Amino acid sequence: MADRPTVKPIDGLHDRAGHLARRFQQFAVAHFTRRNGAFGVTSVQYAILIAVRERPDLDQSALSSLVAFDKSTLGVVLDKLEKRGTLKRTRDPIDKRRYSLKITAKGRGILEATQKSVLKSETELLSPLSVVEQKKLKSLLSKLLEGNAGATRAQVVPAAKPGKLSVRNASRVVAVEPRQMNGR
């Protein structure tokens, strides 16, 4: 196999936070997919299943905020999960526009089956860093999210209570345990 040519970084691109964040996301998805692809679940689907498991009867709007995913694309993902039998949507008898969500036994089974591999994918992703550096990275990422709270409609920001994250959406704040967001 031929060696890949050495590519010199481009000033103004490879030293920009947005570009680095996008690349980091690519690596995170690649590690998640490599470890969990056989289960047929994406990282977004995994986050949705975790949120619905931990918050039964969530509506789609609240779920959108919890997983920081836009409502229109969320509907497509929910359709796929419902067709696979991993979650169930039920129309609210009072507000016909609202659907509540519940995880099914099949969805719980996928979460149980992927628990170790999800943790392994994060371990592999962060393995170039020491434990102290991993904690620092997560802290800095949380700080960046908090500091950019107005950039998108749904925000994940550190809450005042240590060890928890909050999700802001318009007028409400919902506390979420970190393990619910990343599978721990």
C-alpha atoms as a PDB file:
ATOM      1  CA  MET A   1       0.000   0.000   0.000  1.00  0.00           C
ATOM      2  CA  ALA A   2       1.385   3.416  -0.959  1.00  0.00           C
ATOM      3  CA  ASP A   3       2.108   5.935   1.769  1.00  0.00           C
ATOM      4  CA  ARG A   4      -0.206   8.904   1.935  1.00  0.00           C
ATOM      5  CA  PRO A   5       1.478  12.159   0.929  1.00  0.00           C
ATOM      6  CA  THR A   6       2.309  14.535   3.759  1.00  0.00           C
ATOM      7  CA  VAL A   7      -0.129  17.448   3.725  1.00  0.00           C
ATOM      8  CA  LYS A   8       0.917  20.739   5.246  1.00  0.00           C
ATOM      9  CA  PRO A   9      -1.815  22.398   7.353  1.00  0.00           C
ATOM     10  CA  ILE A  10      -3.334  25.580   5.943  1.00  0.00           C
ATOM     11  CA  ASP A  11      -3.218  28.643   8.162  1.00  0.00           C
ATOM     12  CA  GLY A  12      -6.713  30.019   8.513  1.00  0.00           C
ATOM     13  CA  LEU A  13      -8.315  26.592   8.151  1.00  0.00           C
ATOM     14  CA  HIS A  14      -6.590  23.917  10.204  1.00  0.00           C
ATOM     15  CA  ASP A  15      -6.155  26.260  13.156  1.00  0.00           C
ATOM     16  CA  ARG A  16      -9.825  27.372  13.301  1.00  0.00           C
ATOM     17  CA  ALA A  17     -12.077  26.162  16.109  1.00  0.00           C
ATOM     18  CA  GLY A  18     -15.075  25.542  13.844  1.00  0.00           C
ATOM     19  CA  HIS A  19     -13.063  23.408  11.443  1.00  0.00           C
ATOM     20  CA  LEU A  20     -11.487  21.482  14.330  1.00  0.00           C
ATOM     21  CA  ALA A  21     -14.914  20.948  15.918  1.00  0.00           C
ATOM     22  CA  ARG A  22     -16.299  19.575  12.655  1.00  0.00           C
ATOM     23  CA  ARG A  23     -13.332  17.229  12.298  1.00  0.00           C
ATOM     24  CA  PHE A  24     -13.693  16.097  15.918  1.00  0.00           C
ATOM     25  CA  GLN A  25     -17.374  15.336  15.238  1.00  0.00           C
ATOM     26  CA  GLN A  26     -16.323  13.251  12.222  1.00  0.00           C
ATOM     27  CA  PHE A  27     -13.991  11.215  14.429  1.00  0.00           C
ATOM     28  CA  ALA A  28     -16.657  10.846  17.136  1.00  0.00           C
ATOM     29  CA  VAL A  29     -19.179   9.537  14.612  1.00  0.00           C
ATOM     30  CA  ALA A  30     -16.589   7.217  13.055  1.00  0.00           C
ATOM     31  CA  HIS A  31     -15.697   5.693  16.437  1.00  0.00           C
ATOM     32  CA  PHE A  32     -19.374   5.337  17.386  1.00  0.00           C
ATOM     33  CA  THR A  33     -20.266   3.751  14.043  1.00  0.00           C
ATOM     34  CA  ARG A  34     -17.306   1.357  14.077  1.00  0.00           C
ATOM     35  CA  ARG A  35     -18.306   0.051  17.514  1.00  0.00           C
ATOM     36  CA  ASN A  36     -22.094   0.203  17.165  1.00  0.00           C
ATOM     37  CA  GLY A  37     -22.855  -0.109  13.453  1.00  0.00           C
ATOM     38  CA  ALA A  38     -23.766  -3.781  13.818  1.00  0.00           C
ATOM     39  CA  PHE A  39     -26.601  -2.747  16.147  1.00  0.00           C
ATOM     40  CA  GLY A  40     -28.063  -0.547  13.415  1.00  0.00           C
ATOM     41  CA  VAL A  41     -28.146   2.569  15.564  1.00  0.00           C
ATOM     42  CA  THR A  42     -26.589   5.955  14.847  1.00  0.00           C
ATOM     43  CA  SER A  43     -25.244   8.262  17.543  1.00  0.00           C
ATOM     44  CA  VAL A  44     -28.294  10.527  17.125  1.00  0.00           C
ATOM     45  CA  GLN A  45     -30.676   7.565  17.386  1.00  0.00           C
ATOM     46  CA  TYR A  46     -28.807   6.391  20.464  1.00  0.00           C
ATOM     47  CA  ALA A  47     -29.172   9.822  22.103  1.00  0.00           C
ATOM     48  CA  ILE A  48     -32.885   9.848  21.288  1.00  0.00           C
ATOM     49  CA  LEU A  49     -33.425   6.372  22.765  1.00  0.00           C
ATOM     50  CA  ILE A  50     -31.544   7.353  25.935  1.00  0.00           C
ATOM     51  CA  ALA A  51     -33.620  10.545  26.323  1.00  0.00           C
ATOM     52  CA  VAL A  52     -36.933   8.755  25.727  1.00  0.00           C
ATOM     53  CA  ARG A  53     -35.969   5.968  28.136  1.00  0.00           C
ATOM     54  CA  GLU A  54     -35.079   8.453  30.860  1.00  0.00           C
ATOM     55  CA  ARG A  55     -38.032  10.765  30.235  1.00  0.00           C
ATOM     56  CA  PRO A  56     -41.072   8.638  29.309  1.00  0.00           C
ATOM     57  CA  ASP A  57     -43.886  10.555  27.615  1.00  0.00           C
ATOM     58  CA  LEU A  58     -41.595  13.307  26.369  1.00  0.00           C
ATOM     59  CA  ASP A  59     -43.069  15.230  23.480  1.00  0.00           C
ATOM     60  CA  GLN A  60     -41.114  15.792  20.296  1.00  0.00           C
ATOM     61  CA  SER A  61     -40.451  19.447  21.097  1.00  0.00           C
ATOM     62  CA  ALA A  62     -38.907  18.655  24.495  1.00  0.00           C
ATOM     63  CA  LEU A  63     -36.932  15.797  22.944  1.00  0.00           C
ATOM     64  CA  SER A  64     -35.589  18.159  20.299  1.00  0.00           C
ATOM     65  CA  SER A  65     -34.255  20.361  23.098  1.00  0.00           C
ATOM     66  CA  LEU A  66     -32.834  17.486  25.135  1.00  0.00           C
ATOM     67  CA  VAL A  67     -30.783  16.069  22.288  1.00  0.00           C
ATOM     68  CA  ALA A  68     -30.111  19.454  20.633  1.00  0.00           C
ATOM     69  CA  PHE A  69     -31.500  18.307  17.296  1.00  0.00           C
ATOM     70  CA  ASP A  70     -33.725  20.371  14.986  1.00  0.00           C
ATOM     71  CA  LYS A  71     -37.415  19.461  15.043  1.00  0.00           C
ATOM     72  CA  SER A  72     -37.847  18.857  11.325  1.00  0.00           C
ATOM     73  CA  THR A  73     -34.976  16.370  11.042  1.00  0.00           C
ATOM     74  CA  LEU A  74     -35.971  14.809  14.365  1.00  0.00           C
ATOM     75  CA  GLY A  75     -39.312  13.796  12.866  1.00  0.00           C
ATOM     76  CA  VAL A  76     -37.534  11.788  10.156  1.00  0.00           C
ATOM     77  CA  VAL A  77     -35.332  10.037  12.740  1.00  0.00           C
ATOM     78  CA  LEU A  78     -38.367   9.266  14.914  1.00  0.00           C
ATOM     79  CA  ASP A  79     -40.137   7.765  11.891  1.00  0.00           C
ATOM     80  CA  LYS A  80     -37.186   5.402  11.377  1.00  0.00           C
ATOM     81  CA  LEU A  81     -37.047   4.435  15.054  1.00  0.00           C
ATOM     82  CA  GLU A  82     -40.791   3.832  15.161  1.00  0.00           C
ATOM     83  CA  LYS A  83     -40.680   1.685  11.994  1.00  0.00           C
ATOM     84  CA  ARG A  84     -37.886  -0.374  13.587  1.00  0.00           C
ATOM     85  CA  GLY A  85     -40.085  -0.871  16.656  1.00  0.00           C
ATOM     86  CA  THR A  86     -37.689   0.850  19.073  1.00  0.00           C
ATOM     87  CA  LEU A  87     -40.054   3.592  20.165  1.00  0.00           C
ATOM     88  CA  LYS A  88     -43.744   4.377  20.041  1.00  0.00           C
ATOM     89  CA  ARG A  89     -45.424   7.714  19.397  1.00  0.00           C
ATOM     90  CA  THR A  90     -48.862   8.335  20.838  1.00  0.00           C
ATOM     91  CA  ARG A  91     -51.027  11.312  19.903  1.00  0.00           C
ATOM     92  CA  ASP A  92     -51.998  13.459  22.870  1.00  0.00           C
ATOM     93  CA  PRO A  93     -55.775  13.159  23.379  1.00  0.00           C
ATOM     94  CA  ILE A  94     -56.074  16.863  24.287  1.00  0.00           C
ATOM     95  CA  ASP A  95     -53.521  18.489  21.964  1.00  0.00           C
ATOM     96  CA  LYS A  96     -53.717  16.579  18.672  1.00  0.00           C
ATOM     97  CA  ARG A  97     -50.515  18.258  17.432  1.00  0.00           C
ATOM     98  CA  ARG A  98     -48.489  16.760  20.287  1.00  0.00           C
ATOM     99  CA  TYR A  99     -47.061  13.232  20.319  1.00  0.00           C
ATOM    100  CA  SER A 100     -45.664  11.607  23.435  1.00  0.00           C
ATOM    101  CA  LEU A 101     -42.828   9.131  23.086  1.00  0.00           C
ATOM    102  CA  LYS A 102     -42.099   5.855  24.841  1.00  0.00           C
ATOM    103  CA  ILE A 103     -39.238   3.446  24.361  1.00  0.00           C
ATOM    104  CA  THR A 104     -40.200  -0.136  23.537  1.00  0.00           C
ATOM    105  CA  ALA A 105     -38.707  -3.368  24.818  1.00  0.00           C
ATOM    106  CA  LYS A 106     -36.753  -3.601  21.548  1.00  0.00           C
ATOM    107  CA  GLY A 107     -35.368  -0.086  22.092  1.00  0.00           C
ATOM    108  CA  ARG A 108     -34.356  -0.963  25.659  1.00  0.00           C
ATOM    109  CA  GLY A 109     -32.675  -4.082  24.329  1.00  0.00           C
ATOM    110  CA  ILE A 110     -30.611  -2.036  21.870  1.00  0.00           C
ATOM    111  CA  LEU A 111     -29.517   0.317  24.652  1.00  0.00           C
ATOM    112  CA  GLU A 112     -28.573  -2.621  26.863  1.00  0.00           C
ATOM    113  CA  ALA A 113     -26.687  -4.344  24.034  1.00  0.00           C
ATOM    114  CA  THR A 114     -24.756  -1.215  23.069  1.00  0.00           C
ATOM    115  CA  GLN A 115     -23.889   0.022  26.559  1.00  0.00           C
ATOM    116  CA  LYS A 116     -20.347  -1.383  26.632  1.00  0.00           C
ATOM    117  CA  SER A 117     -19.576  -0.633  22.988  1.00  0.00           C
ATOM    118  CA  VAL A 118     -20.711   2.987  23.338  1.00  0.00           C
ATOM    119  CA  LEU A 119     -18.355   3.451  26.275  1.00  0.00           C
ATOM    120  CA  LYS A 120     -15.595   1.722  24.317  1.00  0.00           C
ATOM    121  CA  SER A 121     -16.092   4.071  21.359  1.00  0.00           C
ATOM    122  CA  GLU A 122     -15.720   7.107  23.636  1.00  0.00           C
ATOM    123  CA  THR A 123     -12.668   5.584  25.301  1.00  0.00           C
ATOM    124  CA  GLU A 124     -11.068   5.051  21.896  1.00  0.00           C
ATOM    125  CA  LEU A 125     -11.972   8.552  20.720  1.00  0.00           C
ATOM    126  CA  LEU A 126     -10.384  10.160  23.767  1.00  0.00           C
ATOM    127  CA  SER A 127      -7.468   7.719  24.108  1.00  0.00           C
ATOM    128  CA  PRO A 128      -4.815  10.139  22.800  1.00  0.00           C
ATOM    129  CA  LEU A 129      -5.512  12.265  25.900  1.00  0.00           C
ATOM    130  CA  SER A 130      -4.658  11.556  29.516  1.00  0.00           C
ATOM    131  CA  VAL A 131      -7.547  11.202  31.987  1.00  0.00           C
ATOM    132  CA  VAL A 132      -6.882  14.755  33.193  1.00  0.00           C
ATOM    133  CA  GLU A 133      -6.885  16.051  29.600  1.00  0.00           C
ATOM    134  CA  GLN A 134     -10.135  14.180  28.864  1.00  0.00           C
ATOM    135  CA  LYS A 135     -11.840  15.875  31.813  1.00  0.00           C
ATOM    136  CA  LYS A 136     -10.423  19.228  30.741  1.00  0.00           C
ATOM    137  CA  LEU A 137     -11.627  18.747  27.154  1.00  0.00           C
ATOM    138  CA  LYS A 138     -15.150  17.924  28.322  1.00  0.00           C
ATOM    139  CA  SER A 139     -15.095  20.892  30.682  1.00  0.00           C
ATOM    140  CA  LEU A 140     -13.927  23.232  27.929  1.00  0.00           C
ATOM    141  CA  LEU A 141     -16.519  21.896  25.476  1.00  0.00           C
ATOM    142  CA  SER A 142     -19.250  22.453  28.083  1.00  0.00           C
ATOM    143  CA  LYS A 143     -17.960  25.957  28.699  1.00  0.00           C
ATOM    144  CA  LEU A 144     -18.017  26.695  24.958  1.00  0.00           C
ATOM    145  CA  LEU A 145     -21.583  25.414  24.675  1.00  0.00           C
ATOM    146  CA  GLU A 146     -22.653  27.543  27.611  1.00  0.00           C
ATOM    147  CA  GLY A 147     -20.878  30.602  26.233  1.00  0.00           C
ATOM    148  CA  ASN A 148     -22.562  30.207  22.858  1.00  0.00           C
ATOM    149  CA  ALA A 149     -26.058  29.615  24.260  1.00  0.00           C
ATOM    150  CA  GLY A 150     -27.743  31.959  21.775  1.00  0.00           C
ATOM    151  CA  ALA A 151     -26.247  30.462  18.614  1.00  0.00           C
ATOM    152  CA  THR A 152     -28.980  27.845  18.045  1.00  0.00           C
ATOM    153  CA  ARG A 153     -32.484  27.228  19.372  1.00  0.00           C
ATOM    154  CA  ALA A 154     -31.604  24.233  21.557  1.00  0.00           C
ATOM    155  CA  GLN A 155     -28.643  24.559  23.877  1.00  0.00           C
ATOM    156  CA  VAL A 156     -26.881  22.132  26.179  1.00  0.00           C
ATOM    157  CA  VAL A 157     -25.242  24.149  28.946  1.00  0.00           C
ATOM    158  CA  PRO A 158     -23.715  23.319  32.316  1.00  0.00           C
ATOM    159  CA  ALA A 159     -26.198  23.818  35.132  1.00  0.00           C
ATOM    160  CA  ALA A 160     -25.404  25.487  38.430  1.00  0.00           C
ATOM    161  CA  LYS A 161     -25.451  22.078  40.132  1.00  0.00           C
ATOM    162  CA  PRO A 162     -22.141  20.255  39.449  1.00  0.00           C
ATOM    163  CA  GLY A 163     -22.421  16.983  37.554  1.00  0.00           C
ATOM    164  CA  LYS A 164     -25.571  17.931  35.676  1.00  0.00           C
ATOM    165  CA  LEU A 165     -26.279  19.528  32.350  1.00  0.00           C
ATOM    166  CA  SER A 166     -29.296  21.636  31.464  1.00  0.00           C
ATOM    167  CA  VAL A 167     -31.047  22.087  28.197  1.00  0.00           C
ATOM    168  CA  ARG A 168     -32.466  25.512  27.454  1.00  0.00           C
ATOM    169  CA  ASN A 169     -35.342  25.904  25.089  1.00  0.00           C
ATOM    170  CA  ALA A 170     -37.256  29.157  25.100  1.00  0.00           C
ATOM    171  CA  SER A 171     -38.783  29.429  28.580  1.00  0.00           C
ATOM    172  CA  ARG A 172     -37.900  26.125  30.203  1.00  0.00           C
ATOM    173  CA  VAL A 173     -34.777  24.464  31.533  1.00  0.00           C
ATOM    174  CA  VAL A 174     -34.661  20.678  31.913  1.00  0.00           C
ATOM    175  CA  ALA A 175     -32.005  19.014  34.089  1.00  0.00           C
ATOM    176  CA  VAL A 176     -30.329  15.982  32.543  1.00  0.00           C
ATOM    177  CA  GLU A 177     -27.770  13.656  34.086  1.00  0.00           C
ATOM    178  CA  PRO A 178     -24.630  13.547  31.910  1.00  0.00           C
ATOM    179  CA  ARG A 179     -24.814   9.760  31.636  1.00  0.00           C
ATOM    180  CA  GLN A 180     -28.199  10.163  29.950  1.00  0.00           C
ATOM    181  CA  MET A 181     -26.632  12.271  27.229  1.00  0.00           C
ATOM    182  CA  ASN A 182     -23.606  10.119  26.458  1.00  0.00           C
ATOM    183  CA  GLY A 183     -24.597   6.648  27.578  1.00  0.00           C
ATOM    184  CA  ARG A 184     -22.663   6.467  30.825  1.00  0.00           C
END
